[in-house]
Amino acid sequence: MHELKRKINFFDCDPAGIIFYSRIFEFCHSAYEEMISSFNLKENYWMNEKYVVPIIHSESEYVKPIKYGDEITIVVQVSQLRDSSFELTYTIKRDKTLCSHVKTVHVFVDKKSWKKKEMCNDLKEGLKRHII
């Protein structure tokens, strides 16, 4: 489990005063980036010459509104881990109130052929530490 705390800025919100729906994915991606950085990988995960790790599926459920000034906690966990892909589950809360659930599926692919490939061992080991 990896946690990220964030305060909601005015620019995160739509005219109704709640976060613009797509911002939740940005918040989750920030938590994902922090989690990956905590692995201290040997290779540069984000700017690698051999592979890329695109998101092939994403979904979000909005349970309670998140508003300007709210302080939220984003918890990211690994819900599935395969040889060449993984699924992340995010729980977004304000205090102890559930506000949103998000899921993303990431696949490891060869940068030149764009075919699935097995992920590197140090990444897989890092992800294993965050399995639900």
Protein backbone atom coordinates (compact mmCIF):
# COMPACT_ATOMS: atom_id res chain seq x y z
CA MET A 1 0.00 0.00 0.00
CA HIS A 2 1.27 3.44 -0.93
CA GLU A 3 -0.38 6.68 0.24
CA LEU A 4 -0.41 10.18 -1.15
CA LYS A 5 -2.08 13.15 0.55
CA ARG A 6 -3.31 16.07 -1.50
CA LYS A 7 -5.21 19.31 -0.97
CA ILE A 8 -7.76 20.24 -3.64
CA ASN A 9 -6.99 23.51 -5.40
CA PHE A 10 -9.51 25.86 -6.97
CA PHE A 11 -8.18 24.99 -10.45
CA ASP A 12 -9.00 21.30 -9.81
CA CYS A 13 -12.71 22.12 -9.68
CA ASP A 14 -15.46 22.59 -12.23
CA PRO A 15 -18.09 25.38 -12.13
CA ALA A 16 -20.16 23.29 -9.68
CA GLY A 17 -17.31 23.53 -7.15
CA ILE A 18 -16.38 19.83 -7.19
CA ILE A 19 -13.31 18.32 -8.78
CA PHE A 20 -13.46 18.04 -12.54
CA TYR A 21 -14.00 14.32 -13.13
CA SER A 22 -10.75 13.69 -15.01
CA ARG A 23 -8.60 15.20 -12.26
CA ILE A 24 -9.11 12.05 -10.17
CA PHE A 25 -6.98 10.19 -12.73
CA GLU A 26 -4.23 12.79 -12.41
CA PHE A 27 -4.24 12.44 -8.62
CA CYS A 28 -4.06 8.65 -8.93
CA HIS A 29 -1.27 8.84 -11.48
CA SER A 30 0.74 10.97 -9.05
CA ALA A 31 0.33 8.24 -6.41
CA TYR A 32 1.37 5.62 -8.99
CA GLU A 33 4.48 7.65 -9.90
CA GLU A 34 5.45 8.00 -6.24
CA MET A 35 4.98 4.28 -5.65
CA ILE A 36 7.16 3.34 -8.66
CA SER A 37 9.83 5.85 -7.57
CA SER A 38 9.94 4.21 -4.13
CA PHE A 39 11.13 0.96 -5.77
CA ASN A 40 14.56 2.47 -6.61
CA LEU A 41 14.64 0.58 -9.93
CA LYS A 42 17.93 -0.02 -11.73
CA GLU A 43 16.48 1.21 -15.03
CA ASN A 44 14.54 4.39 -15.72
CA TYR A 45 10.93 3.18 -15.71
CA TRP A 46 9.50 6.35 -17.24
CA MET A 47 12.02 7.01 -20.01
CA ASN A 48 13.24 3.56 -20.99
CA GLU A 49 14.66 2.72 -24.42
CA LYS A 50 13.51 -0.94 -24.30
CA TYR A 51 9.96 -0.81 -22.97
CA VAL A 52 6.92 1.33 -22.23
CA VAL A 53 4.07 0.65 -19.83
CA PRO A 54 0.84 2.11 -21.23
CA ILE A 55 -2.47 2.08 -19.42
CA ILE A 56 -4.85 -0.12 -21.39
CA HIS A 57 -7.90 0.25 -19.17
CA SER A 58 -9.09 2.76 -16.60
CA GLU A 59 -12.30 3.24 -14.65
CA SER A 60 -13.56 5.38 -11.83
CA GLU A 61 -16.54 5.38 -9.51
CA TYR A 62 -17.44 8.66 -7.85
CA VAL A 63 -19.10 8.01 -4.49
CA LYS A 64 -18.99 11.40 -2.71
CA PRO A 65 -18.07 14.85 -4.06
CA ILE A 66 -14.57 16.18 -3.54
CA LYS A 67 -14.55 19.99 -3.22
CA TYR A 68 -12.16 22.90 -3.18
CA GLY A 69 -10.08 22.91 0.02
CA ASP A 70 -10.69 19.24 0.82
CA GLU A 71 -7.70 17.21 1.91
CA ILE A 72 -7.77 13.75 0.41
CA THR A 73 -5.72 10.60 0.81
CA ILE A 74 -5.09 8.39 -2.21
CA VAL A 75 -4.14 4.80 -1.40
CA VAL A 76 -2.76 2.73 -4.27
CA GLN A 77 -2.49 -1.05 -4.13
CA VAL A 78 -1.73 -3.80 -6.64
CA SER A 79 -4.89 -5.83 -7.24
CA GLN A 80 -3.50 -8.11 -9.97
CA LEU A 81 0.04 -9.00 -10.98
CA ARG A 82 0.86 -11.02 -14.10
CA ASP A 83 4.05 -11.63 -16.09
CA SER A 84 3.52 -8.65 -18.40
CA SER A 85 0.73 -6.64 -16.77
CA PHE A 86 -0.60 -5.34 -13.49
CA GLU A 87 -3.77 -3.74 -12.17
CA LEU A 88 -3.74 -0.94 -9.62
CA THR A 89 -6.65 -0.10 -7.35
CA TYR A 90 -6.91 3.35 -5.81
CA THR A 91 -9.09 4.37 -2.88
CA ILE A 92 -9.65 8.08 -2.43
CA LYS A 93 -10.90 9.29 0.96
CA ARG A 94 -11.61 12.57 2.68
CA ASP A 95 -10.98 11.89 6.37
CA LYS A 96 -12.55 8.42 6.64
CA THR A 97 -15.22 9.05 4.01
CA LEU A 98 -14.86 7.10 0.78
CA CYS A 99 -15.07 9.49 -2.17
CA SER A 100 -13.89 7.46 -5.16
CA HIS A 101 -12.54 4.13 -6.40
CA VAL A 102 -10.24 4.01 -9.43
CA LYS A 103 -8.68 1.08 -11.31
CA THR A 104 -6.00 1.13 -13.98
CA VAL A 105 -4.48 -1.75 -15.96
CA HIS A 106 -0.90 -1.38 -17.21
CA VAL A 107 0.87 -3.62 -19.74
CA PHE A 108 4.59 -4.00 -20.28
CA VAL A 109 5.43 -3.79 -24.03
CA ASP A 110 8.54 -3.74 -26.17
CA LYS A 111 9.10 -0.17 -27.33
CA LYS A 112 9.98 -1.13 -30.93
CA SER A 113 7.58 -3.98 -31.70
CA TRP A 114 4.81 -2.85 -29.34
CA LYS A 115 4.33 -6.52 -28.31
CA LYS A 116 3.81 -7.62 -24.74
CA LYS A 117 6.95 -8.59 -22.88
CA GLU A 118 7.71 -9.85 -19.41
CA MET A 119 8.30 -7.10 -16.90
CA CYS A 120 11.69 -6.75 -15.23
CA ASN A 121 12.22 -8.55 -11.93
CA ASP A 122 12.91 -5.48 -9.79
CA LEU A 123 9.60 -3.93 -10.89
CA LYS A 124 7.73 -7.16 -10.20
CA GLU A 125 9.33 -7.39 -6.74
CA GLY A 126 8.36 -3.79 -5.98
CA LEU A 127 4.78 -4.41 -7.06
CA LYS A 128 4.57 -7.59 -4.96
CA ARG A 129 5.11 -5.47 -1.84
CA HIS A 130 1.85 -3.64 -2.57
CA ILE A 131 -0.48 -6.56 -3.40
CA ILE A 132 -3.87 -6.47 -1.72
